[in-house]
PDB file of N, CA and C in Angstrom:
ATOM      1  N   UNK A   1      51.236  94.548 156.596  1.00  0.00           N
ATOM      2  CA  UNK A   1      50.417  94.441 155.402  1.00  0.00           C
ATOM      3  C   UNK A   1      49.080  95.138 155.634  1.00  0.00           C
ATOM      4  N   UNK A   2      48.673  95.899 154.652  1.00  0.00           N
ATOM      5  CA  UNK A   2      47.375  96.574 154.718  1.00  0.00           C
ATOM      6  C   UNK A   2      46.372  95.835 153.824  1.00  0.00           C
ATOM      7  N   UNK A   3      45.098  96.121 154.035  1.00  0.00           N
ATOM      8  CA  UNK A   3      44.063  95.415 153.280  1.00  0.00           C
ATOM      9  C   UNK A   3      44.116  95.732 151.788  1.00  0.00           C
ATOM     10  N   UNK A   4      44.538  96.964 151.433  1.00  0.00           N
ATOM     11  CA  UNK A   4      44.513  97.352 150.027  1.00  0.00           C
ATOM     12  C   UNK A   4      45.811  97.005 149.288  1.00  0.00           C
ATOM     13  N   UNK A   5      46.731  96.330 149.933  1.00  0.00           N
ATOM     14  CA  UNK A   5      47.978  95.949 149.265  1.00  0.00           C
ATOM     15  C   UNK A   5      47.787  94.615 148.559  1.00  0.00           C
ATOM     16  N   UNK A   6      48.174  94.593 147.317  1.00  0.00           N
ATOM     17  CA  UNK A   6      48.102  93.347 146.560  1.00  0.00           C
ATOM     18  C   UNK A   6      49.506  92.859 146.295  1.00  0.00           C
ATOM     19  N   UNK A   7      49.649  91.584 146.265  1.00  0.00           N
ATOM     20  CA  UNK A   7      50.943  90.940 146.015  1.00  0.00           C
ATOM     21  C   UNK A   7      51.987  91.406 147.035  1.00  0.00           C
ATOM     22  N   UNK A   8      51.593  91.426 148.273  1.00  0.00           N
ATOM     23  CA  UNK A   8      52.495  91.829 149.349  1.00  0.00           C
ATOM     24  C   UNK A   8      53.490  90.710 149.626  1.00  0.00           C
ATOM     25  N   UNK A   9      54.763  91.075 149.674  1.00  0.00           N
ATOM     26  CA  UNK A   9      55.800  90.110 150.002  1.00  0.00           C
ATOM     27  C   UNK A   9      56.524  90.605 151.249  1.00  0.00           C
ATOM     28  N   UNK A  10      56.440  89.864 152.341  1.00  0.00           N
ATOM     29  CA  UNK A  10      57.120  90.319 153.555  1.00  0.00           C
ATOM     30  C   UNK A  10      58.629  90.333 153.367  1.00  0.00           C
ATOM     31  N   UNK A  11      59.268  91.329 153.984  1.00  0.00           N
ATOM     32  CA  UNK A  11      60.718  91.447 153.872  1.00  0.00           C
ATOM     33  C   UNK A  11      61.403  90.528 154.863  1.00  0.00           C
ATOM     34  N   UNK A  12      62.632  90.178 154.531  1.00  0.00           N
ATOM     35  CA  UNK A  12      63.426  89.343 155.426  1.00  0.00           C
ATOM     36  C   UNK A  12      63.795  90.137 156.675  1.00  0.00           C
ATOM     37  N   UNK A  13      64.112  89.422 157.734  1.00  0.00           N
ATOM     38  CA  UNK A  13      64.431  90.051 159.014  1.00  0.00           C
ATOM     39  C   UNK A  13      65.628  90.986 158.901  1.00  0.00           C
ATOM     40  N   UNK A  14      66.647  90.591 158.163  1.00  0.00           N
ATOM     41  CA  UNK A  14      67.868  91.413 158.049  1.00  0.00           C
ATOM     42  C   UNK A  14      67.569  92.753 157.383  1.00  0.00           C
ATOM     43  N   UNK A  15      66.653  92.766 156.421  1.00  0.00           N
ATOM     44  CA  UNK A  15      66.293  94.032 155.764  1.00  0.00           C
ATOM     45  C   UNK A  15      65.487  94.924 156.690  1.00  0.00           C
ATOM     46  N   UNK A  16      64.578  94.322 157.450  1.00  0.00           N
ATOM     47  CA  UNK A  16      63.793  95.125 158.400  1.00  0.00           C
ATOM     48  C   UNK A  16      64.686  95.722 159.478  1.00  0.00           C
ATOM     49  N   UNK A  17      65.634  94.935 159.954  1.00  0.00           N
ATOM     50  CA  UNK A  17      66.541  95.399 161.004  1.00  0.00           C
ATOM     51  C   UNK A  17      67.425  96.531 160.500  1.00  0.00           C
ATOM     52  N   UNK A  18      67.989  96.394 159.296  1.00  0.00           N
ATOM     53  CA  UNK A  18      68.853  97.446 158.757  1.00  0.00           C
ATOM     54  C   UNK A  18      68.048  98.706 158.429  1.00  0.00           C
ATOM     55  N   UNK A  19      66.832  98.541 157.937  1.00  0.00           N
ATOM     56  CA  UNK A  19      66.007  99.713 157.646  1.00  0.00           C
ATOM     57  C   UNK A  19      65.655 100.470 158.922  1.00  0.00           C
ATOM     58  N   UNK A  20      65.345  99.747 159.993  1.00  0.00           N
ATOM     59  CA  UNK A  20      65.044 100.396 161.264  1.00  0.00           C
ATOM     60  C   UNK A  20      66.251 101.176 161.769  1.00  0.00           C
ATOM     61  N   UNK A  21      67.443 100.615 161.622  1.00  0.00           N
ATOM     62  CA  UNK A  21      68.666 101.288 162.051  1.00  0.00           C
ATOM     63  C   UNK A  21      68.878 102.578 161.263  1.00  0.00           C
ATOM     64  N   UNK A  22      68.666 102.523 159.960  1.00  0.00           N
ATOM     65  CA  UNK A  22      68.859 103.695 159.105  1.00  0.00           C
ATOM     66  C   UNK A  22      67.824 104.769 159.426  1.00  0.00           C
ATOM     67  N   UNK A  23      66.563 104.369 159.591  1.00  0.00           N
ATOM     68  CA  UNK A  23      65.521 105.353 159.894  1.00  0.00           C
ATOM     69  C   UNK A  23      65.723 105.977 161.273  1.00  0.00           C
ATOM     70  N   UNK A  24      66.229 105.199 162.226  1.00  0.00           N
ATOM     71  CA  UNK A  24      66.538 105.742 163.543  1.00  0.00           C
ATOM     72  C   UNK A  24      67.649 106.776 163.444  1.00  0.00           C
ATOM     73  N   UNK A  25      68.642 106.467 162.639  1.00  0.00           N
ATOM     74  CA  UNK A  25      69.765 107.393 162.448  1.00  0.00           C
ATOM     75  C   UNK A  25      69.297 108.711 161.839  1.00  0.00           C
ATOM     76  N   UNK A  26      68.473 108.646 160.788  1.00  0.00           N
ATOM     77  CA  UNK A  26      67.966 109.873 160.174  1.00  0.00           C
ATOM     78  C   UNK A  26      67.086 110.652 161.143  1.00  0.00           C
ATOM     79  N   UNK A  27      66.297 109.959 161.930  1.00  0.00           N
ATOM     80  CA  UNK A  27      65.449 110.630 162.910  1.00  0.00           C
ATOM     81  C   UNK A  27      66.293 111.349 163.962  1.00  0.00           C
ATOM     82  N   UNK A  28      67.372 110.718 164.407  1.00  0.00           N
ATOM     83  CA  UNK A  28      68.244 111.351 165.385  1.00  0.00           C
ATOM     84  C   UNK A  28      68.961 112.552 164.787  1.00  0.00           C
ATOM     85  N   UNK A  29      69.356 112.461 163.535  1.00  0.00           N
ATOM     86  CA  UNK A  29      69.998 113.608 162.884  1.00  0.00           C
ATOM     87  C   UNK A  29      69.034 114.789 162.814  1.00  0.00           C
ATOM     88  N   UNK A  30      67.786 114.505 162.511  1.00  0.00           N
ATOM     89  CA  UNK A  30      66.802 115.587 162.394  1.00  0.00           C
ATOM     90  C   UNK A  30      66.425 116.170 163.757  1.00  0.00           C
ATOM     91  N   UNK A  31      66.200 115.313 164.733  1.00  0.00           N
ATOM     92  CA  UNK A  31      65.697 115.777 166.030  1.00  0.00           C
ATOM     93  C   UNK A  31      66.805 116.278 166.952  1.00  0.00           C
ATOM     94  N   UNK A  32      67.799 115.461 167.204  1.00  0.00           N
ATOM     95  CA  UNK A  32      68.807 115.802 168.202  1.00  0.00           C
ATOM     96  C   UNK A  32      69.884 116.732 167.658  1.00  0.00           C
ATOM     97  N   UNK A  33      70.279 116.528 166.418  1.00  0.00           N
ATOM     98  CA  UNK A  33      71.334 117.360 165.849  1.00  0.00           C
ATOM     99  C   UNK A  33      70.777 118.511 165.017  1.00  0.00           C
ATOM    100  N   UNK A  34      69.453 118.595 164.907  1.00  0.00           N
ATOM    101  CA  UNK A  34      68.767 119.674 164.175  1.00  0.00           C
ATOM    102  C   UNK A  34      69.401 119.925 162.808  1.00  0.00           C
ATOM    103  N   UNK A  35      69.508 118.869 162.021  1.00  0.00           N
ATOM    104  CA  UNK A  35      70.182 118.977 160.739  1.00  0.00           C
ATOM    105  C   UNK A  35      69.349 119.773 159.729  1.00  0.00           C
ATOM    106  N   UNK A  36      68.049 119.849 159.950  1.00  0.00           N
ATOM    107  CA  UNK A  36      67.202 120.616 159.026  1.00  0.00           C
ATOM    108  C   UNK A  36      67.301 122.113 159.264  1.00  0.00           C
ATOM    109  N   UNK A  37      67.603 122.513 160.498  1.00  0.00           N
ATOM    110  CA  UNK A  37      67.725 123.933 160.805  1.00  0.00           C
ATOM    111  C   UNK A  37      69.160 124.358 160.548  1.00  0.00           C
ATOM    112  N   UNK A  38      69.348 125.029 159.455  1.00  0.00           N
ATOM    113  CA  UNK A  38      70.700 125.420 159.066  1.00  0.00           C
ATOM    114  C   UNK A  38      70.609 126.796 158.413  1.00  0.00           C
ATOM    115  N   UNK A  39      71.198 127.782 159.045  1.00  0.00           N
ATOM    116  CA  UNK A  39      71.100 129.150 158.554  1.00  0.00           C
ATOM    117  C   UNK A  39      72.399 129.602 157.895  1.00  0.00           C
ATOM    118  N   UNK A  40      72.994 128.729 157.120  1.00  0.00           N
ATOM    119  CA  UNK A  40      74.251 129.059 156.457  1.00  0.00           C
ATOM    120  C   UNK A  40      73.996 130.048 155.316  1.00  0.00           C
ATOM    121  N   UNK A  41      74.960 130.928 155.111  1.00  0.00           N
ATOM    122  CA  UNK A  41      74.833 131.942 154.066  1.00  0.00           C
ATOM    123  C   UNK A  41      75.470 131.503 152.754  1.00  0.00           C
ATOM    124  N   UNK A  42      76.411 130.580 152.814  1.00  0.00           N
ATOM    125  CA  UNK A  42      77.063 130.107 151.592  1.00  0.00           C
ATOM    126  C   UNK A  42      77.119 128.585 151.624  1.00  0.00           C
ATOM    127  N   UNK A  43      77.469 128.002 150.486  1.00  0.00           N
ATOM    128  CA  UNK A  43      77.542 126.549 150.409  1.00  0.00           C
ATOM    129  C   UNK A  43      78.650 125.996 151.295  1.00  0.00           C
ATOM    130  N   UNK A  44      79.770 126.705 151.405  1.00  0.00           N
ATOM    131  CA  UNK A  44      80.859 126.230 152.255  1.00  0.00           C
ATOM    132  C   UNK A  44      80.440 126.171 153.722  1.00  0.00           C
ATOM    133  N   UNK A  45      79.698 127.172 154.197  1.00  0.00           N
ATOM    134  CA  UNK A  45      79.191 127.149 155.562  1.00  0.00           C
ATOM    135  C   UNK A  45      78.212 125.994 155.758  1.00  0.00           C
ATOM    136  N   UNK A  46      77.334 125.819 154.778  1.00  0.00           N
ATOM    137  CA  UNK A  46      76.365 124.727 154.833  1.00  0.00           C
ATOM    138  C   UNK A  46      77.081 123.381 154.911  1.00  0.00           C
ATOM    139  N   UNK A  47      78.058 123.197 154.051  1.00  0.00           N
ATOM    140  CA  UNK A  47      78.814 121.945 154.017  1.00  0.00           C
ATOM    141  C   UNK A  47      79.535 121.701 155.339  1.00  0.00           C
ATOM    142  N   UNK A  48      80.159 122.719 155.890  1.00  0.00           N
ATOM    143  CA  UNK A  48      80.888 122.571 157.148  1.00  0.00           C
ATOM    144  C   UNK A  48      79.955 122.237 158.308  1.00  0.00           C
ATOM    145  N   UNK A  49      78.795 122.859 158.347  1.00  0.00           N
ATOM    146  CA  UNK A  49      77.863 122.600 159.440  1.00  0.00           C
ATOM    147  C   UNK A  49      77.301 121.187 159.366  1.00  0.00           C
ATOM    148  N   UNK A  50      76.947 120.744 158.168  1.00  0.00           N
ATOM    149  CA  UNK A  50      76.417 119.390 158.006  1.00  0.00           C
ATOM    150  C   UNK A  50      77.494 118.366 158.340  1.00  0.00           C
ATOM    151  N   UNK A  51      78.703 118.581 157.850  1.00  0.00           N
ATOM    152  CA  UNK A  51      79.793 117.647 158.125  1.00  0.00           C
ATOM    153  C   UNK A  51      80.132 117.600 159.611  1.00  0.00           C
ATOM    154  N   UNK A  52      80.087 118.729 160.294  1.00  0.00           N
ATOM    155  CA  UNK A  52      80.392 118.717 161.725  1.00  0.00           C
ATOM    156  C   UNK A  52      79.329 117.953 162.507  1.00  0.00           C
ATOM    157  N   UNK A  53      78.068 118.060 162.107  1.00  0.00           N
ATOM    158  CA  UNK A  53      77.007 117.326 162.789  1.00  0.00           C
ATOM    159  C   UNK A  53      77.138 115.826 162.530  1.00  0.00           C
ATOM    160  N   UNK A  54      77.472 115.455 161.317  1.00  0.00           N
ATOM    161  CA  UNK A  54      77.652 114.039 161.000  1.00  0.00           C
ATOM    162  C   UNK A  54      78.880 113.479 161.712  1.00  0.00           C
ATOM    163  N   UNK A  55      79.950 114.255 161.788  1.00  0.00           N
ATOM    164  CA  UNK A  55      81.158 113.787 162.478  1.00  0.00           C
ATOM    165  C   UNK A  55      80.907 113.643 163.987  1.00  0.00           C
ATOM    166  N   UNK A  56      80.110 114.514 164.568  1.00  0.00           N
ATOM    167  CA  UNK A  56      79.769 114.373 165.984  1.00  0.00           C
ATOM    168  C   UNK A  56      78.980 113.090 166.213  1.00  0.00           C
ATOM    169  N   UNK A  57      78.057 112.812 165.326  1.00  0.00           N
ATOM    170  CA  UNK A  57      77.276 111.588 165.419  1.00  0.00           C
ATOM    171  C   UNK A  57      78.173 110.363 165.299  1.00  0.00           C
ATOM    172  N   UNK A  58      79.089 110.373 164.347  1.00  0.00           N
ATOM    173  CA  UNK A  58      79.983 109.228 164.146  1.00  0.00           C
ATOM    174  C   UNK A  58      80.937 109.057 165.329  1.00  0.00           C
ATOM    175  N   UNK A  59      81.366 110.149 165.943  1.00  0.00           N
ATOM    176  CA  UNK A  59      82.241 110.054 167.114  1.00  0.00           C
ATOM    177  C   UNK A  59      81.502 109.388 168.274  1.00  0.00           C
ATOM    178  N   UNK A  60      80.243 109.761 168.494  1.00  0.00           N
ATOM    179  CA  UNK A  60      79.453 109.143 169.553  1.00  0.00           C
ATOM    180  C   UNK A  60      79.234 107.666 169.255  1.00  0.00           C
ATOM    181  N   UNK A  61      78.968 107.332 167.992  1.00  0.00           N
ATOM    182  CA  UNK A  61      78.789 105.929 167.624  1.00  0.00           C
ATOM    183  C   UNK A  61      80.071 105.131 167.849  1.00  0.00           C
ATOM    184  N   UNK A  62      81.215 105.705 167.551  1.00  0.00           N
ATOM    185  CA  UNK A  62      82.484 105.014 167.757  1.00  0.00           C
ATOM    186  C   UNK A  62      82.729 104.763 169.244  1.00  0.00           C
ATOM    187  N   UNK A  63      82.461 105.751 170.072  1.00  0.00           N
ATOM    188  CA  UNK A  63      82.628 105.586 171.517  1.00  0.00           C
ATOM    189  C   UNK A  63      81.702 104.491 172.037  1.00  0.00           C
ATOM    190  N   UNK A  64      80.461 104.469 171.537  1.00  0.00           N
ATOM    191  CA  UNK A  64      79.525 103.422 171.954  1.00  0.00           C
ATOM    192  C   UNK A  64      79.994 102.047 171.498  1.00  0.00           C
ATOM    193  N   UNK A  65      80.530 101.964 170.303  1.00  0.00           N
ATOM    194  CA  UNK A  65      81.007 100.675 169.796  1.00  0.00           C
ATOM    195  C   UNK A  65      82.201 100.179 170.600  1.00  0.00           C
ATOM    196  N   UNK A  66      83.099 101.073 170.961  1.00  0.00           N
ATOM    197  CA  UNK A  66      84.258 100.672 171.748  1.00  0.00           C
ATOM    198  C   UNK A  66      83.870 100.219 173.156  1.00  0.00           C
ATOM    199  N   UNK A  67      82.762 100.737 173.673  1.00  0.00           N
ATOM    200  CA  UNK A  67      82.283 100.355 175.007  1.00  0.00           C
ATOM    201  C   UNK A  67      81.239  99.248 174.961  1.00  0.00           C
ATOM    202  N   UNK A  68      81.081  98.595 173.816  1.00  0.00           N
ATOM    203  CA  UNK A  68      80.138  97.482 173.627  1.00  0.00           C
ATOM    204  C   UNK A  68      78.705  97.870 173.977  1.00  0.00           C
ATOM    205  N   UNK A  69      78.293  99.043 173.505  1.00  0.00           N
ATOM    206  CA  UNK A  69      76.923  99.512 173.704  1.00  0.00           C
ATOM    207  C   UNK A  69      76.253  99.637 172.342  1.00  0.00           C
ATOM    208  N   UNK A  70      74.960  99.878 172.361  1.00  0.00           N
ATOM    209  CA  UNK A  70      74.213 100.092 171.129  1.00  0.00           C
ATOM    210  C   UNK A  70      74.719 101.375 170.462  1.00  0.00           C
ATOM    211  N   UNK A  71      75.109 101.298 169.181  1.00  0.00           N
ATOM    212  CA  UNK A  71      75.734 102.464 168.550  1.00  0.00           C
ATOM    213  C   UNK A  71      74.749 103.593 168.302  1.00  0.00           C
ATOM    214  N   UNK A  72      73.461 103.289 168.208  1.00  0.00           N
ATOM    215  CA  UNK A  72      72.478 104.347 167.952  1.00  0.00           C
ATOM    216  C   UNK A  72      71.931 104.955 169.226  1.00  0.00           C
ATOM    217  N   UNK A  73      72.420 104.561 170.363  1.00  0.00           N
ATOM    218  CA  UNK A  73      71.978 105.142 171.632  1.00  0.00           C
ATOM    219  C   UNK A  73      72.829 106.376 171.906  1.00  0.00           C
ATOM    220  N   UNK A  74      72.342 107.543 171.510  1.00  0.00           N
ATOM    221  CA  UNK A  74      73.142 108.766 171.568  1.00  0.00           C
ATOM    222  C   UNK A  74      72.951 109.563 172.849  1.00  0.00           C
ATOM    223  N   UNK A  75      71.931 109.276 173.609  1.00  0.00           N
ATOM    224  CA  UNK A  75      71.625 110.113 174.766  1.00  0.00           C
ATOM    225  C   UNK A  75      72.163 109.560 176.070  1.00  0.00           C
ATOM    226  N   UNK A  76      73.084 108.633 176.021  1.00  0.00           N
ATOM    227  CA  UNK A  76      73.674 108.132 177.259  1.00  0.00           C
ATOM    228  C   UNK A  76      74.901 108.941 177.578  1.00  0.00           C
ATOM    229  N   UNK A  77      75.211 109.021 178.835  1.00  0.00           N
ATOM    230  CA  UNK A  77      76.406 109.779 179.214  1.00  0.00           C
ATOM    231  C   UNK A  77      77.640 108.921 179.018  1.00  0.00           C
ATOM    232  N   UNK A  78      78.726 109.565 178.706  1.00  0.00           N
ATOM    233  CA  UNK A  78      79.981 108.885 178.453  1.00  0.00           C
ATOM    234  C   UNK A  78      80.758 108.847 179.762  1.00  0.00           C
ATOM    235  N   UNK A  79      81.094 107.640 180.185  1.00  0.00           N
ATOM    236  CA  UNK A  79      81.826 107.476 181.455  1.00  0.00           C
ATOM    237  C   UNK A  79      83.193 106.901 181.161  1.00  0.00           C
TER     238      UNK A  79
END
């Protein structure tokens, strides 16, 4: 809460936790997978590159989930 906020209502823990997870995911897509840097010449190339980056992220999350690790921890080595 900031001093200039009026009628501030704190969010429930579950909303804060889910928002942090989503923002972490978007940050990782931008930083590690460089989703903003895309030099595609056509929409099909753009679509394929974005989908491949998202599928790589989901594959890493699935491997982490199967190994009972944090799903957003992308920089660990797979053993």
